Amino acid sequence: MHPTAVRKLLHQLRDGQTSVDEVVRRLASLPFEDLSEAVVDHHRGLRCGFPEVIYGAGKTIDQVRQIFASLAAGGGPVLVTRAEPDLAAALLREFPDAQHNQAARTVAWRPLPPDDGAGFIAVVAAGTSDLPVAEEARVTAETMGSPVRTIYDVGVAGLHRLLGRVEDLQSANALVVVAGMEGALPSVVGGLVSRPVIAVPTSVGYGANLGGITALLGMLTSCASGVSVVNIDNGFGAGYQASLIHRLAAPRQDSDHA
């Protein structure tokens, strides 16, 4: 349950729109709910500022559906990553107002409303082949309520494309930079900005890319200051981290969204 959902519930109690018994029932599942095959952490939104996220890979459709329904009962938001088409279709049948991003392989339900006038996160991708990872980062950050600007297909093979977007790069509160091949783009971006850069190596590339290891090692040995690195193809982790940084730059004023 997200803090805004708790606030709304308490406001409803104060205003006579719900009963004490209903509030007790809603809060009874805190801090967790045992679904037998999964133990849902309903307290994570209060501790960490965003509810538990469902990693769809390796789970059955029914397992994800049960976890999703449990989280949705808390008011949302709910985010599923690595959602293949059959899983996404099953969730959309039950939650038709959820949003499926096929490229990112995500399903999002009731994302937090975006901050107004609080800056933005830039998600930068070297090539079109990197877009699935970049889109996962974008959807994650937006579901967490962070405004995002995308700067796509600006890899180092055509550096003038990146230099044409320097103003956006330098205005962002945090930047997620996604690249495969040799992974050079985050170092270039890190040399242009005074904000945190989160580098995401992808598994895009020919043989010596080694499934993203070459890009990972290149980013870890970046000579640009201010560059940190997440795991290969981990757009989710980068988007989440960027959103936390964005909140430090522009703290949220929680509303009654639930």
Protein backbone atom coordinates (compact mmCIF):
# COMPACT_ATOMS: atom_id res chain seq x y z
CA MET A 1 0.00 0.00 0.00
CA HIS A 2 1.39 3.37 -1.04
CA PRO A 3 1.39 6.27 1.47
CA THR A 4 -1.15 8.17 -0.63
CA ALA A 5 -3.54 5.21 -0.38
CA VAL A 6 -3.19 5.19 3.41
CA ARG A 7 -3.82 8.95 3.53
CA LYS A 8 -6.91 8.63 1.38
CA LEU A 9 -8.27 5.85 3.56
CA LEU A 10 -7.73 7.91 6.71
CA HIS A 11 -9.31 10.98 5.10
CA GLN A 12 -12.34 8.87 4.18
CA LEU A 13 -12.61 7.74 7.80
CA ARG A 14 -12.33 11.32 9.03
CA ASP A 15 -15.02 12.48 6.60
CA GLY A 16 -17.38 9.64 7.46
CA GLN A 17 -17.07 8.00 4.04
CA THR A 18 -15.88 4.68 5.46
CA SER A 19 -16.07 2.80 8.76
CA VAL A 20 -13.52 1.87 11.38
CA ASP A 21 -14.14 -1.80 10.58
CA GLU A 22 -13.36 -1.20 6.90
CA VAL A 23 -10.14 0.60 7.78
CA VAL A 24 -9.12 -2.27 10.04
CA ARG A 25 -9.92 -4.74 7.25
CA ARG A 26 -7.83 -2.80 4.72
CA LEU A 27 -4.87 -2.48 7.06
CA ALA A 28 -5.04 -6.08 8.28
CA SER A 29 -2.86 -7.29 5.40
CA LEU A 30 0.02 -5.05 6.51
CA PRO A 31 2.89 -5.75 6.53
CA PHE A 32 2.47 -8.81 4.28
CA GLU A 33 -0.01 -11.29 2.82
CA ASP A 34 0.75 -14.99 2.46
CA LEU A 35 -0.56 -16.35 -0.85
CA SER A 36 1.10 -19.75 -0.33
CA GLU A 37 3.39 -19.54 -3.36
CA ALA A 38 4.17 -15.87 -2.76
CA VAL A 39 4.30 -13.60 0.28
CA VAL A 40 3.30 -10.12 -0.86
CA ASP A 41 5.10 -7.25 0.87
CA HIS A 42 2.30 -4.70 1.36
CA HIS A 43 4.48 -2.60 3.64
CA ARG A 44 7.11 -1.83 1.00
CA GLY A 45 5.33 1.25 -0.30
CA LEU A 46 5.41 2.78 3.18
CA ARG A 47 9.05 1.82 3.79
CA CYS A 48 10.51 2.49 0.37
CA GLY A 49 8.12 4.91 -1.30
CA PHE A 50 6.91 2.47 -3.97
CA PRO A 51 5.10 -0.88 -3.73
CA GLU A 52 6.62 -4.26 -4.51
CA VAL A 53 7.23 -4.76 -8.23
CA ILE A 54 6.40 -8.10 -9.88
CA TYR A 55 9.14 -9.75 -11.93
CA GLY A 56 7.11 -11.77 -14.42
CA ALA A 57 9.79 -14.10 -15.77
CA GLY A 58 9.77 -17.56 -14.22
CA LYS A 59 6.29 -17.18 -12.71
CA THR A 60 3.10 -18.78 -13.96
CA ILE A 61 0.29 -16.59 -15.20
CA ASP A 62 -1.83 -17.57 -12.20
CA GLN A 63 0.96 -16.70 -9.76
CA VAL A 64 1.39 -13.24 -11.29
CA ARG A 65 -2.36 -12.73 -11.43
CA GLN A 66 -2.73 -13.49 -7.71
CA ILE A 67 0.14 -11.20 -6.73
CA PHE A 68 -1.16 -8.45 -9.02
CA ALA A 69 -4.67 -8.69 -7.54
CA SER A 70 -3.27 -8.59 -4.00
CA LEU A 71 -1.23 -5.45 -4.73
CA ALA A 72 -4.14 -3.85 -6.61
CA ALA A 73 -6.37 -4.36 -3.57
CA GLY A 74 -4.05 -1.95 -1.78
CA GLY A 75 -4.86 0.76 -4.31
CA GLY A 76 -1.81 0.60 -6.55
CA PRO A 77 0.31 1.44 -8.33
CA VAL A 78 1.21 -2.01 -9.66
CA LEU A 79 4.07 -2.73 -12.07
CA VAL A 80 4.96 -6.02 -13.75
CA THR A 81 8.25 -6.36 -15.62
CA ARG A 82 9.28 -9.03 -18.12
CA ALA A 83 5.64 -9.65 -19.01
CA GLU A 84 5.41 -11.81 -22.12
CA PRO A 85 2.37 -11.35 -24.39
CA ASP A 86 0.31 -14.21 -22.92
CA LEU A 87 0.85 -12.92 -19.39
CA ALA A 88 0.05 -9.34 -20.39
CA ALA A 89 -3.13 -10.45 -22.16
CA ALA A 90 -4.31 -12.34 -19.07
CA LEU A 91 -3.72 -9.34 -16.82
CA LEU A 92 -5.46 -6.96 -19.21
CA ARG A 93 -8.55 -9.18 -19.24
CA GLU A 94 -8.82 -8.81 -15.47
CA PHE A 95 -7.55 -5.21 -15.28
CA PRO A 96 -8.62 -3.60 -18.57
CA ASP A 97 -7.41 -0.15 -17.50
CA ALA A 98 -3.85 -1.42 -17.08
CA GLN A 99 -1.24 -0.28 -19.62
CA HIS A 100 0.83 -2.81 -21.57
CA ASN A 101 4.07 -1.69 -23.20
CA GLN A 102 5.00 -4.47 -25.60
CA ALA A 103 8.53 -3.20 -26.26
CA ALA A 104 9.33 -2.82 -22.55
CA ARG A 105 7.46 -6.04 -21.65
CA THR A 106 5.71 -4.22 -18.81
CA VAL A 107 2.19 -3.97 -17.46
CA ALA A 108 1.44 -0.92 -15.29
CA TRP A 109 -1.74 -0.18 -13.33
CA ARG A 110 -2.63 3.13 -11.70
CA PRO A 111 0.80 4.79 -11.93
CA LEU A 112 1.53 7.64 -9.56
CA PRO A 113 0.60 11.03 -11.03
CA PRO A 114 3.61 12.90 -12.41
CA ASP A 115 5.23 15.67 -10.41
CA ASP A 116 4.39 19.10 -11.78
CA GLY A 117 7.25 21.48 -12.46
CA ALA A 118 9.74 19.28 -10.67
CA GLY A 119 12.17 18.60 -13.52
CA PHE A 120 12.56 15.30 -15.31
CA ILE A 121 14.61 12.18 -15.91
CA ALA A 122 16.32 11.73 -19.28
CA VAL A 123 16.37 8.22 -20.70
CA VAL A 124 19.02 8.05 -23.41
CA ALA A 125 19.48 5.10 -25.76
CA ALA A 126 22.42 4.51 -28.09
CA GLY A 127 20.52 2.59 -30.77
CA THR A 128 17.06 1.43 -31.74
CA SER A 129 18.01 -2.12 -30.72
CA ASP A 130 18.46 -0.83 -27.15
CA LEU A 131 14.89 0.46 -26.93
CA PRO A 132 13.35 -2.51 -25.06
CA VAL A 133 15.71 -1.86 -22.13
CA ALA A 134 15.32 1.92 -22.40
CA GLU A 135 11.54 1.62 -22.48
CA GLU A 136 11.60 -0.58 -19.38
CA ALA A 137 13.49 2.22 -17.62
CA ARG A 138 11.05 4.85 -18.89
CA VAL A 139 7.93 2.94 -17.84
CA THR A 140 9.40 2.23 -14.41
CA ALA A 141 10.25 5.86 -13.74
CA GLU A 142 6.90 7.11 -15.03
CA THR A 143 4.98 4.56 -12.97
CA MET A 144 6.84 5.92 -9.94
CA GLY A 145 5.58 9.41 -10.79
CA SER A 146 8.71 10.83 -12.40
CA PRO A 147 8.41 12.81 -15.66
CA VAL A 148 10.66 11.39 -18.40
CA ARG A 149 12.10 12.75 -21.63
CA THR A 150 13.46 10.21 -24.07
CA ILE A 151 16.52 10.78 -26.25
CA TYR A 152 16.80 7.77 -28.53
CA ASP A 153 19.20 6.59 -31.23
CA VAL A 154 22.04 8.96 -30.34
CA GLY A 155 24.97 6.55 -30.14
CA VAL A 156 28.62 7.45 -30.55
CA ALA A 157 28.74 6.35 -34.20
CA GLY A 158 26.91 9.62 -34.95
CA LEU A 159 27.91 11.86 -32.08
CA HIS A 160 26.35 14.97 -33.62
CA ARG A 161 22.92 13.49 -32.85
CA LEU A 162 23.73 13.51 -29.13
CA LEU A 163 25.28 16.97 -29.18
CA GLY A 164 22.06 18.30 -30.65
CA ARG A 165 20.31 17.37 -27.37
CA VAL A 166 22.85 18.76 -24.89
CA GLU A 167 20.36 21.21 -23.39
CA ASP A 168 17.99 18.38 -22.48
CA LEU A 169 20.86 16.30 -21.12
CA GLN A 170 22.10 19.10 -18.89
CA SER A 171 18.61 19.99 -17.63
CA ALA A 172 17.71 16.53 -16.35
CA ASN A 173 17.72 15.68 -12.63
CA ALA A 174 19.16 12.25 -13.46
CA LEU A 175 20.00 10.36 -16.64
CA VAL A 176 19.62 6.72 -17.61
CA VAL A 177 21.97 5.92 -20.48
CA VAL A 178 21.47 2.62 -22.29
CA ALA A 179 23.99 1.13 -24.71
CA GLY A 180 25.21 -2.18 -26.06
CA MET A 181 28.17 -2.95 -28.34
CA GLU A 182 31.25 -1.46 -26.59
CA GLY A 183 29.11 0.61 -24.19
CA ALA A 184 30.78 3.97 -24.79
CA LEU A 185 27.77 6.29 -24.62
CA PRO A 186 27.52 6.73 -20.80
CA SER A 187 31.12 7.98 -20.65
CA VAL A 188 30.37 10.59 -23.29
CA VAL A 189 27.20 11.71 -21.52
CA GLY A 190 29.00 11.73 -18.17
CA GLY A 191 31.48 14.22 -19.60
CA LEU A 192 28.69 16.60 -20.60
CA VAL A 193 26.51 16.82 -17.49
CA SER A 194 26.69 17.63 -13.78
CA ARG A 195 23.92 15.19 -12.81
CA PRO A 196 24.02 11.47 -11.89
CA VAL A 197 24.33 9.13 -14.86
CA ILE A 198 23.05 5.57 -14.50
CA ALA A 199 24.59 3.39 -17.18
CA VAL A 200 22.75 0.31 -18.46
CA PRO A 201 24.72 -2.19 -20.55
CA THR A 202 22.63 -4.22 -22.97
CA SER A 203 23.21 -7.59 -24.56
CA VAL A 204 22.95 -5.99 -28.02
CA GLY A 205 26.01 -6.63 -30.17
CA TYR A 206 28.05 -9.15 -32.12
CA GLY A 207 30.15 -11.98 -30.71
CA ALA A 208 32.77 -10.07 -28.74
CA ASN A 209 30.02 -8.13 -27.00
CA LEU A 210 29.72 -11.37 -24.97
CA GLY A 211 26.05 -10.90 -24.21
CA GLY A 212 26.61 -7.46 -22.70
CA ILE A 213 29.72 -8.23 -20.64
CA THR A 214 31.92 -6.06 -22.87
CA ALA A 215 29.56 -3.11 -22.47
CA LEU A 216 29.33 -3.76 -18.72
CA LEU A 217 33.09 -3.78 -18.25
CA GLY A 218 33.48 -0.67 -20.40
CA MET A 219 30.94 1.20 -18.29
CA LEU A 220 32.47 0.01 -15.02
CA THR A 221 35.84 1.38 -16.16
CA SER A 222 34.44 4.70 -17.40
CA CYS A 223 36.80 7.64 -16.98
CA ALA A 224 33.83 10.02 -16.60
CA SER A 225 32.92 10.93 -13.04
CA GLY A 226 29.36 10.53 -11.83
CA VAL A 227 28.61 7.33 -13.77
CA SER A 228 27.19 4.34 -11.91
CA VAL A 229 26.27 1.03 -13.54
CA VAL A 230 23.44 -1.48 -13.15
CA ASN A 231 23.25 -5.04 -14.40
CA ILE A 232 23.01 -6.08 -18.05
CA ASP A 233 19.60 -5.29 -19.58
CA ASN A 234 18.32 -4.01 -16.21
CA GLY A 235 16.23 -1.10 -17.38
CA PHE A 236 13.96 -1.54 -14.39
CA GLY A 237 16.76 -1.07 -11.87
CA ALA A 238 18.02 2.02 -13.65
CA GLY A 239 14.57 3.59 -13.91
CA TYR A 240 13.87 2.90 -10.23
CA GLN A 241 17.21 4.37 -9.11
CA ALA A 242 16.76 7.43 -11.31
CA SER A 243 13.31 8.01 -9.84
CA LEU A 244 14.69 7.91 -6.29
CA ILE A 245 17.33 10.47 -7.29
CA HIS A 246 14.66 12.61 -8.96
CA ARG A 247 12.67 12.61 -5.70
CA LEU A 248 15.69 14.00 -3.85
CA ALA A 249 15.91 16.81 -6.39
CA ALA A 250 12.17 17.45 -6.25
CA PRO A 251 10.46 15.82 -3.23
CA ARG A 252 6.93 14.62 -3.91
CA GLN A 253 3.93 16.27 -2.30
CA ASP A 254 1.78 13.15 -1.83
CA SER A 255 -1.83 13.60 -2.87
CA ASP A 256 -4.90 11.48 -2.23
CA HIS A 257 -4.13 9.28 -5.22
CA ALA A 258 -4.88 5.65 -4.36
